[in-house]
Amino acid sequence: MRIISANLNGIRSAASKGFFDWMARQDADVVCVQELKAQAADMAPHMLAPDGYHGYFHYAEKKGYSGVGLYCRRAPDRVVEGIGHPGFDAEGRYVRADFGGLSVVSVYVPSGSSSPERQAAKFAFMEEFYPHLVELRKSGREIVICGDWNIAHQEIDLKNWKSNQKNSGFLPEERAWMTKVLSDAGWVDVHRRLCPDATGEAYTWWSNRGQAWAKNVGWRIDYQLATPGVAATAQQAAVWKESRFSDHAPLTIDYGWNI
């Protein structure tokens, strides 16, 4: 089973840069996408249902904002939109597909970098999302949650960690929350499990300012978190950097699991 996670920073923009041509060559079972920045009416047919895939989406109510999606080679048994919180569900941040005893989720955790108000909203989302993560772990299902978590967990996960300790995405409270997700709630950071010492090659996001991409001044903020059973079957992980579809790079992980 191959699962890809990709923040598109605008699905129409990513499409114009060849994302769907690339996706067609990846032989993925599920592709999780975030930051659609589109509503249903904006989606071209090849975005709604690329050849060989079923598409499922949770759009934001606000135009040109947020939104997540799942492209599934096999039609799921069930699809769930949202986490049951009206405010955050209006922002289009969560969609889940169930296949037998396995679930795959695409999630987009808010960014807090634009203003103190958005950082407060990010903290509020984290507070609401943590109990949901705990309940998912207790469900008895095997689950892979893919997405842009907007948190670099450890110093190894970004280039300039010393100068970013007071910046959104690397705040002590955010990092402690991620530690709690992985330790207390029992989720597994699959990429880090496979590549415990990876630094620059594991980055998935680069600022558009300066020469961050050219100098690989990046952050690892896109993750696939999984329940221990399916995580234990993970075989390899790769970040695609040969071509650029957005300011993020797709994360691909292969699992020894049949969907």
Protein backbone atom coordinates (compact mmCIF):
# COMPACT_ATOMS: atom_id res chain seq x y z
CA MET A 1 0.00 0.00 0.00
CA ARG A 2 1.41 3.35 -1.05
CA ILE A 3 0.12 6.55 0.57
CA ILE A 4 1.11 10.06 -0.50
CA SER A 5 0.51 13.29 1.42
CA ALA A 6 0.83 16.64 -0.35
CA ASN A 7 -0.05 20.20 0.62
CA LEU A 8 -0.92 21.75 -2.76
CA ASN A 9 -1.20 25.41 -1.69
CA GLY A 10 -3.99 25.73 -4.23
CA ILE A 11 -5.15 22.72 -6.23
CA ARG A 12 -5.57 24.75 -9.42
CA SER A 13 -2.05 26.12 -9.10
CA ALA A 14 -0.59 22.66 -8.41
CA ALA A 15 -2.49 21.23 -11.38
CA SER A 16 -0.97 23.85 -13.66
CA LYS A 17 2.48 22.79 -12.41
CA GLY A 18 1.94 19.14 -13.32
CA PHE A 19 0.79 17.62 -10.04
CA PHE A 20 -1.80 15.31 -11.58
CA ASP A 21 0.58 14.14 -14.32
CA TRP A 22 3.07 13.29 -11.57
CA MET A 23 0.41 11.63 -9.43
CA ALA A 24 -0.62 9.37 -12.31
CA ARG A 25 2.90 7.92 -12.38
CA GLN A 26 3.16 7.21 -8.64
CA ASP A 27 1.04 4.04 -8.40
CA ALA A 28 -0.44 5.26 -5.10
CA ASP A 29 -3.39 3.63 -3.39
CA VAL A 30 -4.40 6.81 -1.57
CA VAL A 31 -3.27 10.41 -2.13
CA CYS A 32 -4.07 12.86 0.67
CA VAL A 33 -4.10 16.53 -0.34
CA GLN A 34 -4.41 19.69 1.73
CA GLU A 35 -4.96 23.41 1.18
CA LEU A 36 -7.19 23.06 -1.86
CA LYS A 37 -8.08 26.77 -1.85
CA ALA A 38 -11.12 25.83 -3.92
CA GLN A 39 -14.80 24.98 -3.65
CA ALA A 40 -16.67 22.28 -5.56
CA ALA A 41 -17.60 24.69 -8.35
CA ASP A 42 -13.91 25.48 -8.93
CA MET A 43 -12.89 21.85 -9.44
CA ALA A 44 -12.26 20.64 -12.98
CA PRO A 45 -13.24 17.01 -13.78
CA HIS A 46 -9.62 15.81 -13.60
CA MET A 47 -9.36 17.32 -10.11
CA LEU A 48 -12.58 15.72 -8.88
CA ALA A 49 -11.81 12.24 -10.21
CA PRO A 50 -8.37 11.73 -11.78
CA ASP A 51 -8.17 8.70 -14.04
CA GLY A 52 -8.32 5.56 -11.89
CA TYR A 53 -9.24 7.37 -8.65
CA HIS A 54 -12.28 8.32 -6.61
CA GLY A 55 -12.11 11.81 -5.10
CA TYR A 56 -13.54 12.90 -1.74
CA PHE A 57 -13.26 16.42 -0.37
CA HIS A 58 -13.98 18.62 2.63
CA TYR A 59 -14.15 22.18 1.35
CA ALA A 60 -13.88 25.33 3.42
CA GLU A 61 -16.88 27.61 3.43
CA LYS A 62 -14.59 30.60 2.86
CA LYS A 63 -13.64 30.93 -0.81
CA GLY A 64 -10.02 30.32 -1.76
CA TYR A 65 -9.16 28.93 1.67
CA SER A 66 -8.03 25.66 3.25
CA GLY A 67 -9.83 22.45 2.19
CA VAL A 68 -8.64 18.84 2.14
CA GLY A 69 -9.16 15.82 -0.08
CA LEU A 70 -8.53 12.13 -0.62
CA TYR A 71 -7.92 10.33 -3.91
CA CYS A 72 -8.60 6.62 -3.47
CA ARG A 73 -7.93 3.91 -6.04
CA ARG A 74 -10.52 1.71 -4.33
CA ALA A 75 -13.85 3.23 -3.36
CA PRO A 76 -14.03 3.46 0.45
CA ASP A 77 -16.70 1.75 2.52
CA ARG A 78 -17.38 5.05 4.29
CA VAL A 79 -16.25 8.69 4.14
CA VAL A 80 -16.35 11.09 7.11
CA GLU A 81 -15.99 14.86 6.78
CA GLY A 82 -14.96 16.95 9.78
CA ILE A 83 -14.25 16.24 13.45
CA GLY A 84 -17.64 17.38 14.75
CA HIS A 85 -16.61 20.93 15.69
CA PRO A 86 -18.71 23.42 13.68
CA GLY A 87 -16.13 26.22 13.66
CA PHE A 88 -13.23 24.14 12.45
CA ASP A 89 -15.33 21.97 10.18
CA ALA A 90 -16.37 25.16 8.39
CA GLU A 91 -12.68 25.56 7.49
CA GLY A 92 -12.47 22.19 5.69
CA ARG A 93 -9.68 20.55 7.66
CA TYR A 94 -10.45 16.82 7.91
CA VAL A 95 -11.67 14.01 5.67
CA ARG A 96 -11.45 10.29 6.43
CA ALA A 97 -11.94 7.18 4.29
CA ASP A 98 -12.57 3.70 5.74
CA PHE A 99 -11.47 0.54 3.97
CA GLY A 100 -12.41 -2.50 6.03
CA GLY A 101 -10.45 -2.19 9.28
CA LEU A 102 -8.16 0.55 7.93
CA SER A 103 -8.81 4.29 7.80
CA VAL A 104 -6.82 6.97 5.96
CA VAL A 105 -7.25 10.62 6.95
CA SER A 106 -6.21 13.87 5.28
CA VAL A 107 -5.83 16.70 7.81
CA TYR A 108 -4.74 20.31 7.63
CA VAL A 109 -3.82 21.80 11.01
CA PRO A 110 -4.16 25.61 11.05
CA SER A 111 -1.13 27.81 10.64
CA GLY A 112 -0.55 30.42 13.31
CA SER A 113 2.09 32.44 11.53
CA SER A 114 -0.10 35.21 10.09
CA SER A 115 -1.38 36.76 13.33
CA PRO A 116 -1.84 36.23 17.08
CA GLU A 117 -5.51 35.51 16.35
CA ARG A 118 -4.63 32.66 14.02
CA GLN A 119 -2.13 31.29 16.54
CA ALA A 120 -4.93 31.29 19.12
CA ALA A 121 -7.14 29.45 16.61
CA LYS A 122 -4.35 26.93 16.05
CA PHE A 123 -4.07 26.25 19.78
CA ALA A 124 -7.86 25.90 19.97
CA PHE A 125 -7.81 23.38 17.12
CA MET A 126 -5.05 21.40 18.80
CA GLU A 127 -7.09 21.29 22.01
CA GLU A 128 -10.14 20.01 20.13
CA PHE A 129 -8.18 17.61 17.93
CA TYR A 130 -6.24 15.82 20.67
CA PRO A 131 -9.27 14.05 22.24
CA HIS A 132 -10.32 13.05 18.71
CA LEU A 133 -6.88 11.49 18.18
CA VAL A 134 -7.22 9.64 21.48
CA GLU A 135 -10.65 8.28 20.48
CA LEU A 136 -9.35 7.17 17.10
CA ARG A 137 -6.57 5.20 18.82
CA LYS A 138 -9.14 3.54 21.07
CA SER A 139 -11.36 2.55 18.14
CA GLY A 140 -9.43 -0.61 17.38
CA ARG A 141 -8.94 0.41 13.76
CA GLU A 142 -5.61 0.77 11.98
CA ILE A 143 -5.32 4.39 10.87
CA VAL A 144 -2.92 6.57 8.88
CA ILE A 145 -3.35 10.33 9.34
CA CYS A 146 -1.59 12.33 6.63
CA GLY A 147 -1.24 16.02 6.33
CA ASP A 148 0.28 19.38 7.00
CA TRP A 149 0.51 19.55 10.79
CA ASN A 150 2.27 22.95 10.75
CA ILE A 151 4.57 21.83 13.57
CA ALA A 152 8.23 20.88 13.39
CA HIS A 153 8.50 18.48 16.29
CA GLN A 154 12.24 18.37 17.06
CA GLU A 155 15.37 20.39 16.41
CA ILE A 156 16.28 17.88 13.69
CA ASP A 157 13.10 18.81 11.84
CA LEU A 158 14.10 22.28 10.66
CA LYS A 159 17.24 24.01 9.50
CA ASN A 160 17.31 27.10 11.73
CA TRP A 161 15.83 25.76 14.94
CA LYS A 162 17.64 28.17 17.28
CA SER A 163 16.20 31.29 15.65
CA ASN A 164 12.70 29.83 15.33
CA GLN A 165 11.98 28.92 18.95
CA LYS A 166 9.56 31.86 19.33
CA ASN A 167 7.94 31.40 15.93
CA SER A 168 4.71 29.59 15.10
CA GLY A 169 5.41 26.03 14.06
CA PHE A 170 8.24 25.54 16.55
CA LEU A 171 6.80 26.98 19.74
CA PRO A 172 7.44 24.96 22.92
CA GLU A 173 3.68 24.45 23.39
CA GLU A 174 3.28 23.10 19.86
CA ARG A 175 6.22 20.74 20.19
CA ALA A 176 4.98 19.51 23.58
CA TRP A 177 1.56 18.82 22.04
CA MET A 178 3.15 16.75 19.28
CA THR A 179 5.16 14.83 21.86
CA LYS A 180 1.92 14.10 23.72
CA VAL A 181 0.29 12.87 20.50
CA LEU A 182 3.18 10.47 19.90
CA SER A 183 3.78 9.34 23.48
CA ASP A 184 0.57 9.58 25.53
CA ALA A 185 -1.85 9.02 22.64
CA GLY A 186 0.39 6.39 21.07
CA TRP A 187 0.66 7.53 17.46
CA VAL A 188 3.76 6.74 15.40
CA ASP A 189 5.62 9.30 13.26
CA VAL A 190 6.25 6.86 10.41
CA HIS A 191 8.83 8.87 8.46
CA ARG A 192 10.89 9.45 11.59
CA ARG A 193 10.57 5.77 12.53
CA LEU A 194 11.97 4.79 9.14
CA CYS A 195 14.60 7.52 8.98
CA PRO A 196 15.56 8.38 12.58
CA ASP A 197 18.53 10.58 11.67
CA ALA A 198 17.26 12.25 8.49
CA THR A 199 17.68 16.03 8.44
CA GLY A 200 17.65 18.11 5.25
CA GLU A 201 16.42 15.27 3.06
CA ALA A 202 13.31 15.00 5.25
CA TYR A 203 12.18 18.63 4.97
CA THR A 204 8.77 19.08 3.33
CA TRP A 205 8.24 22.87 3.36
CA TRP A 206 10.34 25.89 2.38
CA SER A 207 9.46 29.54 2.77
CA ASN A 208 9.01 31.48 -0.47
CA ARG A 209 11.16 34.22 1.03
CA GLY A 210 14.83 34.56 0.24
CA GLN A 211 16.50 31.46 -1.17
CA ALA A 212 15.05 28.92 1.27
CA TRP A 213 14.43 26.30 -1.43
CA ALA A 214 17.77 26.80 -3.18
CA LYS A 215 19.66 26.55 0.11
CA ASN A 216 17.38 23.84 1.56
CA VAL A 217 16.44 25.99 4.55
CA GLY A 218 13.38 23.89 5.22
CA TRP A 219 11.01 22.46 7.80
CA ARG A 220 9.54 18.98 8.23
CA ILE A 221 5.91 19.76 8.96
CA ASP A 222 4.09 17.22 6.76
CA TYR A 223 3.64 13.87 8.48
CA GLN A 224 2.05 10.47 8.21
CA LEU A 225 1.10 9.47 11.75
CA ALA A 226 -0.16 5.91 12.13
CA THR A 227 -1.41 3.42 14.66
CA PRO A 228 1.34 0.98 15.71
CA GLY A 229 0.06 -2.01 13.73
CA VAL A 230 0.11 -0.44 10.28
CA ALA A 231 3.14 1.69 11.18
CA ALA A 232 5.14 -1.48 11.86
CA THR A 233 4.64 -2.54 8.23
CA ALA A 234 6.12 0.67 6.78
CA GLN A 235 8.95 -0.14 4.39
CA GLN A 236 10.26 3.10 2.90
CA ALA A 237 9.65 6.83 2.79
CA ALA A 238 10.57 9.46 0.24
CA VAL A 239 10.11 13.22 -0.19
CA TRP A 240 9.71 14.23 -3.84
CA LYS A 241 11.92 17.20 -4.73
CA GLU A 242 12.59 16.65 -8.43
CA SER A 243 9.79 19.03 -9.37
CA ARG A 244 7.78 21.59 -7.42
CA PHE A 245 4.00 21.78 -7.24
CA SER A 246 3.79 24.14 -4.24
CA ASP A 247 5.89 25.39 -1.34
CA HIS A 248 5.54 21.86 0.13
CA ALA A 249 6.91 18.58 -1.22
CA PRO A 250 4.90 15.33 -1.36
CA LEU A 251 5.70 12.65 1.23
CA THR A 252 5.33 9.06 0.03
CA ILE A 253 5.38 6.03 2.35
CA ASP A 254 5.03 2.38 1.34
CA TYR A 255 3.34 0.00 3.78
CA GLY A 256 3.17 -3.79 3.75
CA TRP A 257 -0.58 -3.62 4.00
CA ASN A 258 -3.35 -4.39 1.53
CA ILE A 259 -6.09 -1.86 1.16
